[in-house]
Amino acid sequence: MNEDEIARGVSRGLHDHERRRAEGNARSLLAGLAIMSLLVVGFIVLVTYG
């Protein structure tokens, strides 16, 4: 292995790690939005029919 191959491998590993982290953040954001929307709908139902 020469320096170019090592640098390419490190770059690829960092890119993969960043992609996985971004996907995890997107999932967390979607989960938070889903929970918030359920709470809002529940509050509306409570105010309307409660």
PDB file of N, CA and C in Angstrom:
ATOM      1  N   MET A   1       0.843  -1.193   0.000  1.00  0.00           N
ATOM      2  CA  MET A   1       0.000   0.000   0.000  1.00  0.00           C
ATOM      3  C   MET A   1       0.881   1.247   0.000  1.00  0.00           C
ATOM      4  N   ASN A   2       0.550   2.151  -0.870  1.00  0.00           N
ATOM      5  CA  ASN A   2       1.289   3.415  -0.860  1.00  0.00           C
ATOM      6  C   ASN A   2       0.427   4.498  -0.199  1.00  0.00           C
ATOM      7  N   GLU A   3       0.972   5.687  -0.149  1.00  0.00           N
ATOM      8  CA  GLU A   3       0.279   6.762   0.561  1.00  0.00           C
ATOM      9  C   GLU A   3      -1.052   7.124  -0.093  1.00  0.00           C
ATOM     10  N   ASP A   4      -1.111   7.064  -1.407  1.00  0.00           N
ATOM     11  CA  ASP A   4      -2.356   7.404  -2.101  1.00  0.00           C
ATOM     12  C   ASP A   4      -3.473   6.422  -1.757  1.00  0.00           C
ATOM     13  N   GLU A   5      -3.157   5.129  -1.728  1.00  0.00           N
ATOM     14  CA  GLU A   5      -4.161   4.125  -1.381  1.00  0.00           C
ATOM     15  C   GLU A   5      -4.644   4.301   0.054  1.00  0.00           C
ATOM     16  N   ILE A   6      -3.713   4.587   0.949  1.00  0.00           N
ATOM     17  CA  ILE A   6      -4.078   4.804   2.354  1.00  0.00           C
ATOM     18  C   ILE A   6      -4.970   6.035   2.477  1.00  0.00           C
ATOM     19  N   ALA A   7      -4.594   7.125   1.816  1.00  0.00           N
ATOM     20  CA  ALA A   7      -5.387   8.356   1.870  1.00  0.00           C
ATOM     21  C   ALA A   7      -6.776   8.126   1.285  1.00  0.00           C
ATOM     22  N   ARG A   8      -6.850   7.365   0.187  1.00  0.00           N
ATOM     23  CA  ARG A   8      -8.146   7.070  -0.416  1.00  0.00           C
ATOM     24  C   ARG A   8      -9.010   6.236   0.529  1.00  0.00           C
ATOM     25  N   GLY A   9      -8.399   5.272   1.209  1.00  0.00           N
ATOM     26  CA  GLY A   9      -9.136   4.447   2.160  1.00  0.00           C
ATOM     27  C   GLY A   9      -9.642   5.249   3.345  1.00  0.00           C
ATOM     28  N   VAL A  10      -8.798   6.128   3.865  1.00  0.00           N
ATOM     29  CA  VAL A  10      -9.209   6.975   4.983  1.00  0.00           C
ATOM     30  C   VAL A  10     -10.342   7.897   4.542  1.00  0.00           C
ATOM     31  N   SER A  11     -10.216   8.482   3.367  1.00  0.00           N
ATOM     32  CA  SER A  11     -11.249   9.377   2.848  1.00  0.00           C
ATOM     33  C   SER A  11     -12.573   8.630   2.678  1.00  0.00           C
ATOM     34  N   ARG A  12     -12.508   7.415   2.136  1.00  0.00           N
ATOM     35  CA  ARG A  12     -13.719   6.616   1.941  1.00  0.00           C
ATOM     36  C   ARG A  12     -14.359   6.277   3.284  1.00  0.00           C
ATOM     37  N   GLY A  13     -13.529   5.927   4.268  1.00  0.00           N
ATOM     38  CA  GLY A  13     -14.046   5.606   5.595  1.00  0.00           C
ATOM     39  C   GLY A  13     -14.708   6.799   6.247  1.00  0.00           C
ATOM     40  N   LEU A  14     -14.099   7.974   6.128  1.00  0.00           N
ATOM     41  CA  LEU A  14     -14.702   9.184   6.696  1.00  0.00           C
ATOM     42  C   LEU A  14     -16.014   9.526   5.998  1.00  0.00           C
ATOM     43  N   HIS A  15     -16.042   9.346   4.668  1.00  0.00           N
ATOM     44  CA  HIS A  15     -17.258   9.628   3.910  1.00  0.00           C
ATOM     45  C   HIS A  15     -18.385   8.692   4.346  1.00  0.00           C
ATOM     46  N   ASP A  16     -18.080   7.397   4.484  1.00  0.00           N
ATOM     47  CA  ASP A  16     -19.091   6.428   4.922  1.00  0.00           C
ATOM     48  C   ASP A  16     -19.592   6.756   6.320  1.00  0.00           C
ATOM     49  N   HIS A  17     -18.676   7.122   7.208  1.00  0.00           N
ATOM     50  CA  HIS A  17     -19.061   7.468   8.577  1.00  0.00           C
ATOM     51  C   HIS A  17     -19.973   8.695   8.583  1.00  0.00           C
ATOM     52  N   GLU A  18     -19.638   9.711   7.802  1.00  0.00           N
ATOM     53  CA  GLU A  18     -20.454  10.926   7.730  1.00  0.00           C
ATOM     54  C   GLU A  18     -21.839  10.624   7.165  1.00  0.00           C
ATOM     55  N   ARG A  19     -21.889   9.754   6.143  1.00  0.00           N
ATOM     56  CA  ARG A  19     -23.179   9.391   5.549  1.00  0.00           C
ATOM     57  C   ARG A  19     -24.061   8.672   6.566  1.00  0.00           C
ATOM     58  N   ARG A  20     -23.467   7.727   7.324  1.00  0.00           N
ATOM     59  CA  ARG A  20     -24.241   7.011   8.342  1.00  0.00           C
ATOM     60  C   ARG A  20     -24.736   7.954   9.430  1.00  0.00           C
ATOM     61  N   ARG A  21     -23.879   8.909   9.827  1.00  0.00           N
ATOM     62  CA  ARG A  21     -24.272   9.867  10.863  1.00  0.00           C
ATOM     63  C   ARG A  21     -25.413  10.747  10.364  1.00  0.00           C
ATOM     64  N   ALA A  22     -25.335  11.183   9.104  1.00  0.00           N
ATOM     65  CA  ALA A  22     -26.388  12.021   8.533  1.00  0.00           C
ATOM     66  C   ALA A  22     -27.702  11.251   8.441  1.00  0.00           C
ATOM     67  N   GLU A  23     -27.634   9.975   8.064  1.00  0.00           N
ATOM     68  CA  GLU A  23     -28.849   9.164   7.997  1.00  0.00           C
ATOM     69  C   GLU A  23     -29.459   8.991   9.386  1.00  0.00           C
ATOM     70  N   GLY A  24     -28.630   8.795  10.391  1.00  0.00           N
ATOM     71  CA  GLY A  24     -29.120   8.679  11.759  1.00  0.00           C
ATOM     72  C   GLY A  24     -29.782   9.954  12.228  1.00  0.00           C
ATOM     73  N   ASN A  25     -29.182  11.103  11.888  1.00  0.00           N
ATOM     74  CA  ASN A  25     -29.783  12.384  12.262  1.00  0.00           C
ATOM     75  C   ASN A  25     -31.118  12.585  11.555  1.00  0.00           C
ATOM     76  N   ALA A  26     -31.202  12.189  10.299  1.00  0.00           N
ATOM     77  CA  ALA A  26     -32.456  12.329   9.556  1.00  0.00           C
ATOM     78  C   ALA A  26     -33.537  11.460  10.183  1.00  0.00           C
ATOM     79  N   ARG A  27     -33.182  10.236  10.570  1.00  0.00           N
ATOM     80  CA  ARG A  27     -34.159   9.359  11.234  1.00  0.00           C
ATOM     81  C   ARG A  27     -34.625   9.950  12.552  1.00  0.00           C
ATOM     82  N   SER A  28     -33.707  10.512  13.324  1.00  0.00           N
ATOM     83  CA  SER A  28     -34.069  11.128  14.596  1.00  0.00           C
ATOM     84  C   SER A  28     -35.001  12.311  14.380  1.00  0.00           C
ATOM     85  N   LEU A  29     -34.717  13.112  13.370  1.00  0.00           N
ATOM     86  CA  LEU A  29     -35.570  14.254  13.060  1.00  0.00           C
ATOM     87  C   LEU A  29     -36.966  13.788  12.668  1.00  0.00           C
ATOM     88  N   LEU A  30     -37.060  12.771  11.817  1.00  0.00           N
ATOM     89  CA  LEU A  30     -38.368  12.263  11.396  1.00  0.00           C
ATOM     90  C   LEU A  30     -39.134  11.667  12.574  1.00  0.00           C
ATOM     91  N   ALA A  31     -38.436  10.967  13.449  1.00  0.00           N
ATOM     92  CA  ALA A  31     -39.097  10.397  14.625  1.00  0.00           C
ATOM     93  C   ALA A  31     -39.623  11.513  15.526  1.00  0.00           C
ATOM     94  N   GLY A  32     -38.834  12.553  15.720  1.00  0.00           N
ATOM     95  CA  GLY A  32     -39.276  13.687  16.528  1.00  0.00           C
ATOM     96  C   GLY A  32     -40.481  14.382  15.923  1.00  0.00           C
ATOM     97  N   LEU A  33     -40.469  14.564  14.610  1.00  0.00           N
ATOM     98  CA  LEU A  33     -41.617  15.184  13.945  1.00  0.00           C
ATOM     99  C   LEU A  33     -42.864  14.320  14.061  1.00  0.00           C
ATOM    100  N   ALA A  34     -42.702  13.011  13.952  1.00  0.00           N
ATOM    101  CA  ALA A  34     -43.847  12.107  14.084  1.00  0.00           C
ATOM    102  C   ALA A  34     -44.437  12.192  15.490  1.00  0.00           C
ATOM    103  N   ILE A  35     -43.594  12.212  16.495  1.00  0.00           N
ATOM    104  CA  ILE A  35     -44.074  12.304  17.875  1.00  0.00           C
ATOM    105  C   ILE A  35     -44.778  13.641  18.103  1.00  0.00           C
ATOM    106  N   MET A  36     -44.180  14.720  17.606  1.00  0.00           N
ATOM    107  CA  MET A  36     -44.803  16.043  17.765  1.00  0.00           C
ATOM    108  C   MET A  36     -46.158  16.102  17.067  1.00  0.00           C
ATOM    109  N   SER A  37     -46.255  15.515  15.875  1.00  0.00           N
ATOM    110  CA  SER A  37     -47.536  15.544  15.160  1.00  0.00           C
ATOM    111  C   SER A  37     -48.591  14.737  15.911  1.00  0.00           C
ATOM    112  N   LEU A  38     -48.198  13.616  16.506  1.00  0.00           N
ATOM    113  CA  LEU A  38     -49.159  12.840  17.304  1.00  0.00           C
ATOM    114  C   LEU A  38     -49.629  13.633  18.519  1.00  0.00           C
ATOM    115  N   LEU A  39     -48.713  14.345  19.159  1.00  0.00           N
ATOM    116  CA  LEU A  39     -49.093  15.162  20.305  1.00  0.00           C
ATOM    117  C   LEU A  39     -50.040  16.282  19.900  1.00  0.00           C
ATOM    118  N   VAL A  40     -49.764  16.921  18.771  1.00  0.00           N
ATOM    119  CA  VAL A  40     -50.632  18.006  18.292  1.00  0.00           C
ATOM    120  C   VAL A  40     -52.020  17.469  17.965  1.00  0.00           C
ATOM    121  N   VAL A  41     -52.087  16.350  17.262  1.00  0.00           N
ATOM    122  CA  VAL A  41     -53.382  15.754  16.924  1.00  0.00           C
ATOM    123  C   VAL A  41     -54.118  15.353  18.202  1.00  0.00           C
ATOM    124  N   GLY A  42     -53.401  14.767  19.155  1.00  0.00           N
ATOM    125  CA  GLY A  42     -54.034  14.400  20.425  1.00  0.00           C
ATOM    126  C   GLY A  42     -54.560  15.617  21.162  1.00  0.00           C
ATOM    127  N   PHE A  43     -53.811  16.705  21.149  1.00  0.00           N
ATOM    128  CA  PHE A  43     -54.260  17.937  21.810  1.00  0.00           C
ATOM    129  C   PHE A  43     -55.502  18.489  21.125  1.00  0.00           C
ATOM    130  N   ILE A  44     -55.517  18.480  19.802  1.00  0.00           N
ATOM    131  CA  ILE A  44     -56.685  18.973  19.056  1.00  0.00           C
ATOM    132  C   ILE A  44     -57.910  18.126  19.365  1.00  0.00           C
ATOM    133  N   VAL A  45     -57.732  16.819  19.394  1.00  0.00           N
ATOM    134  CA  VAL A  45     -58.847  15.929  19.720  1.00  0.00           C
ATOM    135  C   VAL A  45     -59.330  16.174  21.144  1.00  0.00           C
ATOM    136  N   LEU A  46     -58.413  16.355  22.065  1.00  0.00           N
ATOM    137  CA  LEU A  46     -58.773  16.621  23.457  1.00  0.00           C
ATOM    138  C   LEU A  46     -59.544  17.923  23.592  1.00  0.00           C
ATOM    139  N   VAL A  47     -59.096  18.967  22.925  1.00  0.00           N
ATOM    140  CA  VAL A  47     -59.777  20.261  23.012  1.00  0.00           C
ATOM    141  C   VAL A  47     -61.138  20.192  22.322  1.00  0.00           C
ATOM    142  N   THR A  48     -61.200  19.493  21.201  1.00  0.00           N
ATOM    143  CA  THR A  48     -62.449  19.442  20.425  1.00  0.00           C
ATOM    144  C   THR A  48     -63.506  18.589  21.116  1.00  0.00           C
ATOM    145  N   TYR A  49     -63.132  17.406  21.568  1.00  0.00           N
ATOM    146  CA  TYR A  49     -64.112  16.474  22.106  1.00  0.00           C
ATOM    147  C   TYR A  49     -64.049  16.305  23.601  1.00  0.00           C
ATOM    148  N   GLY A  50     -63.068  16.908  24.250  1.00  0.00           N
ATOM    149  CA  GLY A  50     -62.866  16.677  25.671  1.00  0.00           C
ATOM    150  C   GLY A  50     -63.628  17.528  26.572  1.00  0.00           C
TER     151      GLY A  50
END
